[in-house]
Amino acid sequence: MNNTQRSPLNDAPAEIKLAVDLICLLENNNLDPQTVLSALDIVRRDFEKKHQAQSIDTKKG
C-alpha cells in the first residue's frame, strides 16, 4: 500500500493548477493587493489581444 497522499490538485484542470501557482507566487512576494489586481488586469488584456490576433490569423490562413 502506498502511503503517498494525493492532493485534489493532482486531478484538477490545468487552469486551477496555474491559478494556485500564481496565487502562491503573488502571496509569497508580499505585494500590495491593488498592484497585483492591476497587474492581473494588464496580463488578461494582453493575453486576450494576443488570442484574438491568433484567431484572426488562423481564419485568414
PDB file of N, CA and C in Angstrom:
ATOM      1  N   MET A   1       0.849  -1.190   0.000  1.00  0.00           N
ATOM      2  CA  MET A   1       0.000   0.000   0.000  1.00  0.00           C
ATOM      3  C   MET A   1       0.890   1.248   0.000  1.00  0.00           C
ATOM      4  N   ASN A   2       0.557   2.193  -0.812  1.00  0.00           N
ATOM      5  CA  ASN A   2       1.331   3.415  -0.958  1.00  0.00           C
ATOM      6  C   ASN A   2       0.869   4.439   0.069  1.00  0.00           C
ATOM      7  N   ASN A   3       1.805   4.982   0.848  1.00  0.00           N
ATOM      8  CA  ASN A   3       1.459   5.964   1.871  1.00  0.00           C
ATOM      9  C   ASN A   3       1.430   7.391   1.336  1.00  0.00           C
ATOM     10  N   THR A   4       1.744   7.560   0.064  1.00  0.00           N
ATOM     11  CA  THR A   4       1.737   8.895  -0.528  1.00  0.00           C
ATOM     12  C   THR A   4       0.308   9.388  -0.668  1.00  0.00           C
ATOM     13  N   GLN A   5       0.037  10.551  -0.093  1.00  0.00           N
ATOM     14  CA  GLN A   5      -1.303  11.122  -0.195  1.00  0.00           C
ATOM     15  C   GLN A   5      -1.404  11.912  -1.483  1.00  0.00           C
ATOM     16  N   ARG A   6      -2.500  11.747  -2.172  1.00  0.00           N
ATOM     17  CA  ARG A   6      -2.749  12.514  -3.386  1.00  0.00           C
ATOM     18  C   ARG A   6      -3.524  13.760  -3.027  1.00  0.00           C
ATOM     19  N   SER A   7      -3.062  14.848  -3.549  1.00  0.00           N
ATOM     20  CA  SER A   7      -3.748  16.116  -3.360  1.00  0.00           C
ATOM     21  C   SER A   7      -4.871  16.210  -4.387  1.00  0.00           C
ATOM     22  N   PRO A   8      -5.999  16.816  -4.017  1.00  0.00           N
ATOM     23  CA  PRO A   8      -7.057  17.025  -5.008  1.00  0.00           C
ATOM     24  C   PRO A   8      -6.552  17.859  -6.190  1.00  0.00           C
ATOM     25  N   LEU A   9      -5.499  18.619  -5.961  1.00  0.00           N
ATOM     26  CA  LEU A   9      -4.926  19.444  -7.023  1.00  0.00           C
ATOM     27  C   LEU A   9      -4.305  18.588  -8.130  1.00  0.00           C
ATOM     28  N   ASN A  10      -3.874  17.377  -7.786  1.00  0.00           N
ATOM     29  CA  ASN A  10      -3.288  16.490  -8.797  1.00  0.00           C
ATOM     30  C   ASN A  10      -4.255  16.221  -9.943  1.00  0.00           C
ATOM     31  N   ASP A  11      -5.523  16.141  -9.639  1.00  0.00           N
ATOM     32  CA  ASP A  11      -6.532  15.830 -10.646  1.00  0.00           C
ATOM     33  C   ASP A  11      -7.268  17.067 -11.156  1.00  0.00           C
ATOM     34  N   ALA A  12      -6.849  18.225 -10.704  1.00  0.00           N
ATOM     35  CA  ALA A  12      -7.524  19.479 -11.078  1.00  0.00           C
ATOM     36  C   ALA A  12      -7.177  19.854 -12.517  1.00  0.00           C
ATOM     37  N   PRO A  13      -8.065  20.605 -13.154  1.00  0.00           N
ATOM     38  CA  PRO A  13      -7.774  21.095 -14.501  1.00  0.00           C
ATOM     39  C   PRO A  13      -6.549  22.012 -14.496  1.00  0.00           C
ATOM     40  N   ALA A  14      -5.927  22.146 -15.649  1.00  0.00           N
ATOM     41  CA  ALA A  14      -4.698  22.942 -15.778  1.00  0.00           C
ATOM     42  C   ALA A  14      -4.885  24.377 -15.298  1.00  0.00           C
ATOM     43  N   GLU A  15      -6.061  24.971 -15.590  1.00  0.00           N
ATOM     44  CA  GLU A  15      -6.266  26.371 -15.191  1.00  0.00           C
ATOM     45  C   GLU A  15      -6.316  26.536 -13.672  1.00  0.00           C
ATOM     46  N   ILE A  16      -6.799  25.520 -12.970  1.00  0.00           N
ATOM     47  CA  ILE A  16      -6.821  25.568 -11.498  1.00  0.00           C
ATOM     48  C   ILE A  16      -5.393  25.463 -10.962  1.00  0.00           C
ATOM     49  N   LYS A  17      -4.616  24.548 -11.520  1.00  0.00           N
ATOM     50  CA  LYS A  17      -3.230  24.392 -11.095  1.00  0.00           C
ATOM     51  C   LYS A  17      -2.450  25.691 -11.322  1.00  0.00           C
ATOM     52  N   LEU A  18      -2.645  26.300 -12.491  1.00  0.00           N
ATOM     53  CA  LEU A  18      -1.962  27.560 -12.788  1.00  0.00           C
ATOM     54  C   LEU A  18      -2.408  28.659 -11.829  1.00  0.00           C
ATOM     55  N   ALA A  19      -3.696  28.737 -11.555  1.00  0.00           N
ATOM     56  CA  ALA A  19      -4.213  29.753 -10.636  1.00  0.00           C
ATOM     57  C   ALA A  19      -3.606  29.586  -9.244  1.00  0.00           C
ATOM     58  N   VAL A  20      -3.523  28.367  -8.768  1.00  0.00           N
ATOM     59  CA  VAL A  20      -2.944  28.113  -7.450  1.00  0.00           C
ATOM     60  C   VAL A  20      -1.469  28.520  -7.433  1.00  0.00           C
ATOM     61  N   ASP A  21      -0.746  28.171  -8.497  1.00  0.00           N
ATOM     62  CA  ASP A  21       0.669  28.562  -8.581  1.00  0.00           C
ATOM     63  C   ASP A  21       0.827  30.076  -8.571  1.00  0.00           C
ATOM     64  N   LEU A  22      -0.016  30.770  -9.332  1.00  0.00           N
ATOM     65  CA  LEU A  22       0.060  32.227  -9.383  1.00  0.00           C
ATOM     66  C   LEU A  22      -0.278  32.854  -8.036  1.00  0.00           C
ATOM     67  N   ILE A  23      -1.300  32.337  -7.378  1.00  0.00           N
ATOM     68  CA  ILE A  23      -1.686  32.844  -6.056  1.00  0.00           C
ATOM     69  C   ILE A  23      -0.528  32.678  -5.076  1.00  0.00           C
ATOM     70  N   CYS A  24       0.084  31.508  -5.064  1.00  0.00           N
ATOM     71  CA  CYS A  24       1.219  31.268  -4.164  1.00  0.00           C
ATOM     72  C   CYS A  24       2.365  32.224  -4.468  1.00  0.00           C
ATOM     73  N   LEU A  25       2.673  32.386  -5.747  1.00  0.00           N
ATOM     74  CA  LEU A  25       3.751  33.292  -6.142  1.00  0.00           C
ATOM     75  C   LEU A  25       3.475  34.719  -5.673  1.00  0.00           C
ATOM     76  N   LEU A  26       2.267  35.181  -5.899  1.00  0.00           N
ATOM     77  CA  LEU A  26       1.924  36.548  -5.528  1.00  0.00           C
ATOM     78  C   LEU A  26       1.889  36.739  -4.014  1.00  0.00           C
ATOM     79  N   GLU A  27       1.323  35.783  -3.314  1.00  0.00           N
ATOM     80  CA  GLU A  27       1.243  35.895  -1.854  1.00  0.00           C
ATOM     81  C   GLU A  27       2.616  35.809  -1.204  1.00  0.00           C
ATOM     82  N   ASN A  28       3.493  34.976  -1.748  1.00  0.00           N
ATOM     83  CA  ASN A  28       4.826  34.812  -1.166  1.00  0.00           C
ATOM     84  C   ASN A  28       5.704  36.038  -1.348  1.00  0.00           C
ATOM     85  N   ASN A  29       5.345  36.911  -2.279  1.00  0.00           N
ATOM     86  CA  ASN A  29       6.135  38.105  -2.524  1.00  0.00           C
ATOM     87  C   ASN A  29       5.590  39.335  -1.805  1.00  0.00           C
ATOM     88  N   ASN A  30       4.575  39.150  -0.990  1.00  0.00           N
ATOM     89  CA  ASN A  30       4.022  40.233  -0.168  1.00  0.00           C
ATOM     90  C   ASN A  30       3.785  41.519  -0.961  1.00  0.00           C
ATOM     91  N   LEU A  31       3.135  41.380  -2.085  1.00  0.00           N
ATOM     92  CA  LEU A  31       2.843  42.532  -2.927  1.00  0.00           C
ATOM     93  C   LEU A  31       1.560  43.213  -2.490  1.00  0.00           C
ATOM     94  N   ASP A  32       1.485  44.495  -2.768  1.00  0.00           N
ATOM     95  CA  ASP A  32       0.276  45.254  -2.488  1.00  0.00           C
ATOM     96  C   ASP A  32      -0.883  44.667  -3.293  1.00  0.00           C
ATOM     97  N   PRO A  33      -2.009  44.355  -2.655  1.00  0.00           N
ATOM     98  CA  PRO A  33      -3.128  43.741  -3.367  1.00  0.00           C
ATOM     99  C   PRO A  33      -3.607  44.545  -4.579  1.00  0.00           C
ATOM    100  N   GLN A  34      -3.638  45.858  -4.473  1.00  0.00           N
ATOM    101  CA  GLN A  34      -4.094  46.663  -5.610  1.00  0.00           C
ATOM    102  C   GLN A  34      -3.113  46.578  -6.773  1.00  0.00           C
ATOM    103  N   THR A  35      -1.838  46.514  -6.462  1.00  0.00           N
ATOM    104  CA  THR A  35      -0.819  46.348  -7.504  1.00  0.00           C
ATOM    105  C   THR A  35      -1.006  45.019  -8.220  1.00  0.00           C
ATOM    106  N   VAL A  36      -1.249  43.972  -7.451  1.00  0.00           N
ATOM    107  CA  VAL A  36      -1.466  42.639  -8.030  1.00  0.00           C
ATOM    108  C   VAL A  36      -2.687  42.652  -8.943  1.00  0.00           C
ATOM    109  N   LEU A  37      -3.790  43.220  -8.463  1.00  0.00           N
ATOM    110  CA  LEU A  37      -5.016  43.243  -9.266  1.00  0.00           C
ATOM    111  C   LEU A  37      -4.832  44.055 -10.544  1.00  0.00           C
ATOM    112  N   SER A  38      -4.138  45.160 -10.452  1.00  0.00           N
ATOM    113  CA  SER A  38      -3.874  45.971 -11.643  1.00  0.00           C
ATOM    114  C   SER A  38      -3.000  45.210 -12.638  1.00  0.00           C
ATOM    115  N   ALA A  39      -1.987  44.541 -12.128  1.00  0.00           N
ATOM    116  CA  ALA A  39      -1.111  43.761 -12.997  1.00  0.00           C
ATOM    117  C   ALA A  39      -1.875  42.615 -13.664  1.00  0.00           C
ATOM    118  N   LEU A  40      -2.745  41.960 -12.913  1.00  0.00           N
ATOM    119  CA  LEU A  40      -3.535  40.871 -13.491  1.00  0.00           C
ATOM    120  C   LEU A  40      -4.473  41.375 -14.589  1.00  0.00           C
ATOM    121  N   ASP A  41      -5.021  42.575 -14.420  1.00  0.00           N
ATOM    122  CA  ASP A  41      -5.848  43.178 -15.474  1.00  0.00           C
ATOM    123  C   ASP A  41      -5.031  43.380 -16.741  1.00  0.00           C
ATOM    124  N   ILE A  42      -3.811  43.866 -16.582  1.00  0.00           N
ATOM    125  CA  ILE A  42      -2.941  44.090 -17.733  1.00  0.00           C
ATOM    126  C   ILE A  42      -2.619  42.767 -18.423  1.00  0.00           C
ATOM    127  N   VAL A  43      -2.289  41.765 -17.639  1.00  0.00           N
ATOM    128  CA  VAL A  43      -1.972  40.446 -18.195  1.00  0.00           C
ATOM    129  C   VAL A  43      -3.174  39.879 -18.948  1.00  0.00           C
ATOM    130  N   ARG A  44      -4.349  39.993 -18.371  1.00  0.00           N
ATOM    131  CA  ARG A  44      -5.558  39.466 -19.015  1.00  0.00           C
ATOM    132  C   ARG A  44      -5.811  40.161 -20.351  1.00  0.00           C
ATOM    133  N   ARG A  45      -5.723  41.486 -20.360  1.00  0.00           N
ATOM    134  CA  ARG A  45      -5.936  42.227 -21.608  1.00  0.00           C
ATOM    135  C   ARG A  45      -4.912  41.822 -22.661  1.00  0.00           C
ATOM    136  N   ASP A  46      -3.665  41.682 -22.250  1.00  0.00           N
ATOM    137  CA  ASP A  46      -2.610  41.295 -23.175  1.00  0.00           C
ATOM    138  C   ASP A  46      -2.869  39.915 -23.769  1.00  0.00           C
ATOM    139  N   PHE A  47      -3.218  38.958 -22.926  1.00  0.00           N
ATOM    140  CA  PHE A  47      -3.493  37.612 -23.412  1.00  0.00           C
ATOM    141  C   PHE A  47      -4.718  37.582 -24.319  1.00  0.00           C
ATOM    142  N   GLU A  48      -5.738  38.347 -23.979  1.00  0.00           N
ATOM    143  CA  GLU A  48      -6.935  38.386 -24.813  1.00  0.00           C
ATOM    144  C   GLU A  48      -6.623  38.978 -26.186  1.00  0.00           C
ATOM    145  N   LYS A  49      -5.833  40.047 -26.241  1.00  0.00           N
ATOM    146  CA  LYS A  49      -5.450  40.648 -27.529  1.00  0.00           C
ATOM    147  C   LYS A  49      -4.662  39.659 -28.373  1.00  0.00           C
ATOM    148  N   LYS A  50      -3.707  38.984 -27.763  1.00  0.00           N
ATOM    149  CA  LYS A  50      -2.898  38.010 -28.493  1.00  0.00           C
ATOM    150  C   LYS A  50      -3.746  36.846 -28.982  1.00  0.00           C
ATOM    151  N   HIS A  51      -4.680  36.395 -28.166  1.00  0.00           N
ATOM    152  CA  HIS A  51      -5.554  35.293 -28.559  1.00  0.00           C
ATOM    153  C   HIS A  51      -6.448  35.708 -29.727  1.00  0.00           C
ATOM    154  N   GLN A  52      -6.978  36.932 -29.674  1.00  0.00           N
ATOM    155  CA  GLN A  52      -7.809  37.432 -30.763  1.00  0.00           C
ATOM    156  C   GLN A  52      -7.000  37.543 -32.051  1.00  0.00           C
ATOM    157  N   ALA A  53      -5.780  38.039 -31.952  1.00  0.00           N
ATOM    158  CA  ALA A  53      -4.923  38.174 -33.131  1.00  0.00           C
ATOM    159  C   ALA A  53      -4.615  36.801 -33.724  1.00  0.00           C
ATOM    160  N   GLN A  54      -4.364  35.819 -32.893  1.00  0.00           N
ATOM    161  CA  GLN A  54      -4.088  34.472 -33.377  1.00  0.00           C
ATOM    162  C   GLN A  54      -5.329  33.879 -34.042  1.00  0.00           C
ATOM    163  N   SER A  55      -6.495  34.132 -33.470  1.00  0.00           N
ATOM    164  CA  SER A  55      -7.738  33.624 -34.054  1.00  0.00           C
ATOM    165  C   SER A  55      -7.978  34.225 -35.428  1.00  0.00           C
ATOM    166  N   ILE A  56      -7.717  35.509 -35.583  1.00  0.00           N
ATOM    167  CA  ILE A  56      -7.894  36.179 -36.864  1.00  0.00           C
ATOM    168  C   ILE A  56      -6.896  35.635 -37.885  1.00  0.00           C
ATOM    169  N   ASP A  57      -5.646  35.452 -37.472  1.00  0.00           N
ATOM    170  CA  ASP A  57      -4.629  34.911 -38.373  1.00  0.00           C
ATOM    171  C   ASP A  57      -4.972  33.496 -38.799  1.00  0.00           C
ATOM    172  N   THR A  58      -5.521  32.715 -37.898  1.00  0.00           N
ATOM    173  CA  THR A  58      -5.897  31.334 -38.216  1.00  0.00           C
ATOM    174  C   THR A  58      -7.031  31.311 -39.236  1.00  0.00           C
ATOM    175  N   LYS A  59      -7.995  32.213 -39.092  1.00  0.00           N
ATOM    176  CA  LYS A  59      -9.123  32.272 -40.025  1.00  0.00           C
ATOM    177  C   LYS A  59      -8.686  32.742 -41.412  1.00  0.00           C
ATOM    178  N   LYS A  60      -7.677  33.611 -41.460  1.00  0.00           N
ATOM    179  CA  LYS A  60      -7.176  34.103 -42.738  1.00  0.00           C
ATOM    180  C   LYS A  60      -6.427  33.018 -43.491  1.00  0.00           C
ATOM    181  N   GLY A  61      -5.706  32.164 -42.744  1.00  0.00           N
ATOM    182  CA  GLY A  61      -4.848  31.156 -43.346  1.00  0.00           C
ATOM    183  C   GLY A  61      -5.624  30.045 -43.911  1.00  0.00           C
TER     184      GLY A  61
END
